[in-house]
Amino acid sequence: MEFQGVIFDFNGVLWWDGPLHERAWQQLAVEIRGRSLSEEEIAAHVHGRTNRAILEYLSGRAMAKHEFEELAQRKEALYRRLCLELGPEFRLSPGADDLLDFLAAHRVPRTIATSSDRINLDFFIQHLRLERWFEVALLVYDDGLRPGKPAPDIYLQAAHNLGLEPLCCMVVEDSRAGVQAAHTAGIGHIIALGPAHRHAQLAQLEGVDEVIENLEQFPAERLSLRDPT
């Protein structure tokens, strides 16, 4: 089967920022509950999750809107500062630019489905110039109106924005929650991305069709392509 569109997770896929998020969340974890997060907690309760889900996990309770917003923006301000401190290293992941150029040239429908909020999405658009490859209005982010990953809603919305059935789409994900969301949404082909030492673990996640190390290995031959413009 040839697939007609591609949906990218952002954090950990198009931008390898896992260590930055972890540093910011570890600081808040110590402040909120007095101890840092374990590696298992990070995998299960941080990567791919919305800010509200993470903060309510750390606090062990539901949060009022004002408390949630204050803590979330503290964390994200710290995260954005860490991004900018990288200087020229704040760039898309290996292979991303070339793959996105290829998809654009062959007019493959594409979008992003991210657990980031609008403030961070705008930050990425500004500093990584995402409008070169994506129609900004089609990007899906955590707007607080739909359940976050691992619920399927974000991928159902992304496929809808592309005018495609989920079965006709490929998704690239790096997190357990994201893979579960894509699988529950009925995505046709799920690619898990991560370093070599995680491949065996990623391959065991329900719904994963193949595992790659970076976007240079993206299986473009599985796509229905149009002649370059």
Protein backbone atom coordinates (compact mmCIF):
# COMPACT_ATOMS: atom_id res chain seq x y z
CA MET A 1 0.00 0.00 0.00
CA GLU A 2 1.21 3.49 -0.86
CA PHE A 3 0.44 6.12 1.75
CA GLN A 4 -0.73 9.58 0.84
CA GLY A 5 0.33 11.79 3.77
CA VAL A 6 2.81 12.10 6.62
CA ILE A 7 2.16 13.31 10.16
CA PHE A 8 5.17 14.12 12.31
CA ASP A 9 5.39 14.28 16.04
CA PHE A 10 7.62 17.27 16.74
CA ASN A 11 9.55 16.98 20.01
CA GLY A 12 11.92 14.04 19.73
CA VAL A 13 11.28 13.60 15.99
CA LEU A 14 11.75 16.82 14.03
CA TRP A 15 13.58 18.46 16.93
CA TRP A 16 15.67 16.30 19.27
CA ASP A 17 15.01 18.11 22.51
CA GLY A 18 14.36 15.27 24.95
CA PRO A 19 17.25 16.15 27.29
CA LEU A 20 16.10 19.79 27.48
CA HIS A 21 12.56 18.84 28.44
CA GLU A 22 13.90 16.36 30.97
CA ARG A 23 16.12 19.00 32.60
CA ALA A 24 13.20 21.43 32.88
CA TRP A 25 10.79 18.79 34.22
CA GLN A 26 13.32 17.46 36.71
CA GLN A 27 13.64 20.93 38.20
CA LEU A 28 9.88 21.22 38.59
CA ALA A 29 9.60 17.68 39.93
CA VAL A 30 11.95 18.49 42.78
CA GLU A 31 10.06 21.70 43.53
CA ILE A 32 6.62 20.04 43.44
CA ARG A 33 7.19 16.69 45.12
CA GLY A 34 10.71 16.87 46.53
CA ARG A 35 12.37 14.28 44.33
CA SER A 36 13.38 13.84 40.70
CA LEU A 37 11.75 11.63 38.09
CA SER A 38 13.01 8.12 37.38
CA GLU A 39 13.80 7.00 33.83
CA GLU A 40 10.65 4.89 33.80
CA GLU A 41 8.54 7.83 34.96
CA ILE A 42 10.00 9.99 32.21
CA ALA A 43 9.17 7.37 29.57
CA ALA A 44 5.65 6.71 30.87
CA HIS A 45 4.53 10.11 32.17
CA VAL A 46 6.61 12.83 30.44
CA HIS A 47 7.52 12.11 26.81
CA GLY A 48 4.53 12.65 24.55
CA ARG A 49 2.27 13.89 27.36
CA THR A 50 0.61 17.26 27.75
CA ASN A 51 1.77 19.72 30.40
CA ARG A 52 -1.43 19.25 32.37
CA ALA A 53 -1.04 15.47 32.43
CA ILE A 54 2.58 15.76 33.62
CA LEU A 55 1.89 18.38 36.28
CA GLU A 56 -1.10 16.50 37.66
CA TYR A 57 1.00 13.34 37.77
CA LEU A 58 3.72 15.19 39.71
CA SER A 59 1.27 16.76 42.13
CA GLY A 60 -0.96 13.69 42.44
CA ARG A 61 -4.11 15.77 42.02
CA ALA A 62 -6.18 17.85 39.63
CA MET A 63 -4.96 21.43 39.34
CA ALA A 64 -6.92 24.65 39.20
CA LYS A 65 -6.46 26.58 35.96
CA HIS A 66 -4.38 29.40 37.47
CA GLU A 67 -2.01 27.03 39.27
CA PHE A 68 -1.57 24.86 36.20
CA GLU A 69 -0.89 27.81 33.90
CA GLU A 70 1.68 29.35 36.27
CA LEU A 71 3.65 26.11 36.63
CA ALA A 72 3.38 25.19 32.95
CA GLN A 73 4.70 28.55 31.79
CA ARG A 74 7.56 28.42 34.31
CA LYS A 75 8.60 25.09 32.88
CA GLU A 76 8.23 26.21 29.26
CA ALA A 77 10.13 29.47 29.80
CA LEU A 78 13.01 27.44 31.22
CA TYR A 79 12.81 25.03 28.29
CA ARG A 80 12.83 27.84 25.69
CA ARG A 81 15.84 29.44 27.38
CA LEU A 82 17.69 26.12 27.16
CA CYS A 83 16.83 25.91 23.45
CA LEU A 84 18.19 29.38 22.71
CA GLU A 85 21.36 28.71 24.72
CA LEU A 86 22.21 26.02 22.16
CA GLY A 87 22.84 28.67 19.51
CA PRO A 88 23.50 27.05 16.09
CA GLU A 89 22.73 23.62 17.58
CA PHE A 90 19.08 24.65 17.87
CA ARG A 91 18.08 23.09 14.55
CA LEU A 92 15.97 20.33 13.10
CA SER A 93 17.04 16.72 13.59
CA PRO A 94 19.37 14.88 11.17
CA GLY A 95 17.73 14.33 7.82
CA ALA A 96 14.70 16.50 8.58
CA ASP A 97 15.47 19.37 6.20
CA ASP A 98 16.16 17.07 3.25
CA LEU A 99 13.10 14.91 3.92
CA LEU A 100 10.80 17.91 4.24
CA ASP A 101 12.23 19.42 1.04
CA PHE A 102 11.56 16.09 -0.69
CA LEU A 103 7.97 15.88 0.58
CA ALA A 104 7.31 19.47 -0.47
CA ALA A 105 8.79 18.92 -3.94
CA HIS A 106 6.61 15.84 -4.46
CA ARG A 107 3.54 17.55 -3.00
CA VAL A 108 3.02 14.98 -0.26
CA PRO A 109 0.44 16.25 2.29
CA ARG A 110 2.15 16.69 5.66
CA THR A 111 1.58 18.22 9.07
CA ILE A 112 2.68 18.11 12.70
CA ALA A 113 0.79 16.68 15.68
CA THR A 114 2.52 17.85 18.84
CA SER A 115 1.82 17.90 22.56
CA SER A 116 3.43 21.35 22.71
CA ASP A 117 1.21 24.33 23.47
CA ARG A 118 0.64 27.30 21.16
CA ILE A 119 3.35 29.44 22.75
CA ASN A 120 6.00 26.79 22.12
CA LEU A 121 4.64 26.04 18.65
CA ASP A 122 4.98 29.71 17.71
CA PHE A 123 8.50 29.66 19.18
CA PHE A 124 9.42 26.71 16.93
CA ILE A 125 7.81 28.30 13.88
CA GLN A 126 9.81 31.48 14.46
CA HIS A 127 13.21 29.98 15.20
CA LEU A 128 13.10 26.87 12.98
CA ARG A 129 11.13 28.47 10.12
CA LEU A 130 8.60 25.68 9.90
CA GLU A 131 6.45 27.65 7.48
CA ARG A 132 8.95 26.64 4.76
CA TRP A 133 7.40 23.17 4.73
CA PHE A 134 4.12 23.28 6.64
CA GLU A 135 0.86 25.16 6.35
CA VAL A 136 0.71 26.64 9.84
CA ALA A 137 -3.08 26.52 10.01
CA LEU A 138 -2.95 22.71 9.63
CA LEU A 139 -0.58 22.10 12.55
CA VAL A 140 -2.15 20.36 15.55
CA TYR A 141 -1.02 21.24 19.09
CA ASP A 142 -2.21 21.11 22.69
CA ASP A 143 -4.96 23.72 22.71
CA GLY A 144 -6.54 22.36 25.88
CA LEU A 145 -9.70 21.40 24.00
CA ARG A 146 -8.96 17.73 23.28
CA PRO A 147 -7.42 14.88 25.26
CA GLY A 148 -3.67 14.59 24.85
CA LYS A 149 -1.68 11.54 23.79
CA PRO A 150 -2.16 8.59 24.31
CA ALA A 151 -5.75 9.46 23.33
CA PRO A 152 -6.11 9.32 19.51
CA ASP A 153 -7.72 12.74 19.10
CA ILE A 154 -4.60 14.62 18.00
CA TYR A 155 -3.90 12.19 15.15
CA LEU A 156 -7.52 12.04 14.09
CA GLN A 157 -7.48 15.83 13.84
CA ALA A 158 -4.17 15.86 11.95
CA ALA A 159 -5.45 13.36 9.36
CA HIS A 160 -8.67 15.39 9.03
CA ASN A 161 -6.63 18.56 8.47
CA LEU A 162 -4.85 16.83 5.59
CA GLY A 163 -8.17 15.68 4.13
CA LEU A 164 -7.12 12.03 4.51
CA GLU A 165 -8.35 8.94 6.31
CA PRO A 166 -5.98 7.89 9.13
CA LEU A 167 -5.38 4.58 7.31
CA CYS A 168 -3.85 6.54 4.41
CA CYS A 169 -1.31 8.31 6.64
CA MET A 170 2.16 7.55 7.96
CA VAL A 171 3.16 8.79 11.42
CA VAL A 172 6.64 9.25 12.88
CA GLU A 173 6.71 9.06 16.68
CA ASP A 174 9.32 8.64 19.41
CA SER A 175 7.25 8.15 22.56
CA ARG A 176 5.17 5.35 24.02
CA ALA A 177 2.16 7.65 24.41
CA GLY A 178 2.49 8.93 20.86
CA VAL A 179 2.65 5.46 19.33
CA GLN A 180 -0.42 4.45 21.32
CA ALA A 181 -2.28 7.54 20.12
CA ALA A 182 -1.41 6.86 16.47
CA HIS A 183 -2.32 3.18 16.76
CA THR A 184 -5.68 3.91 18.40
CA ALA A 185 -6.40 6.50 15.70
CA GLY A 186 -6.03 3.80 13.04
CA ILE A 187 -2.95 5.29 11.36
CA GLY A 188 -1.90 3.10 8.43
CA HIS A 189 1.84 2.97 9.06
CA ILE A 190 3.60 3.91 12.30
CA ILE A 191 7.34 4.56 12.34
CA ALA A 192 9.07 4.70 15.71
CA LEU A 193 12.20 6.86 15.81
CA GLY A 194 14.94 6.60 18.40
CA PRO A 195 18.60 5.77 19.05
CA ALA A 196 19.82 2.25 18.30
CA HIS A 197 19.79 1.16 21.94
CA ARG A 198 16.01 1.80 22.09
CA HIS A 199 15.09 -0.04 18.88
CA ALA A 200 14.20 -3.36 20.46
CA GLN A 201 11.99 -1.60 23.01
CA LEU A 202 10.31 0.58 20.38
CA ALA A 203 9.68 -2.36 18.07
CA GLN A 204 7.69 -4.09 20.81
CA LEU A 205 5.17 -1.23 21.12
CA GLU A 206 1.76 -2.20 19.78
CA GLY A 207 1.17 -0.74 16.33
CA VAL A 208 4.79 -0.03 15.37
CA ASP A 209 5.50 -1.10 11.78
CA GLU A 210 9.18 -0.19 11.62
CA VAL A 211 11.89 1.55 13.61
CA ILE A 212 14.44 4.08 12.36
CA GLU A 213 17.30 5.97 13.94
CA ASN A 214 16.79 9.31 12.19
CA LEU A 215 14.80 10.88 9.36
CA GLU A 216 17.53 10.07 6.86
CA GLN A 217 16.13 6.52 7.08
CA PHE A 218 12.51 7.52 6.43
CA PRO A 219 10.95 5.00 3.97
CA ALA A 220 9.90 7.43 1.26
CA GLU A 221 9.32 4.53 -1.11
CA ARG A 222 6.10 3.81 0.80
CA LEU A 223 4.59 7.11 -0.28
CA SER A 224 2.43 8.00 -3.23
CA LEU A 225 4.49 10.73 -4.91
CA ARG A 226 3.64 13.36 -7.50
CA ASP A 227 6.09 14.66 -10.05
CA PRO A 228 8.29 17.41 -8.56
CA THR A 229 6.97 20.91 -9.13
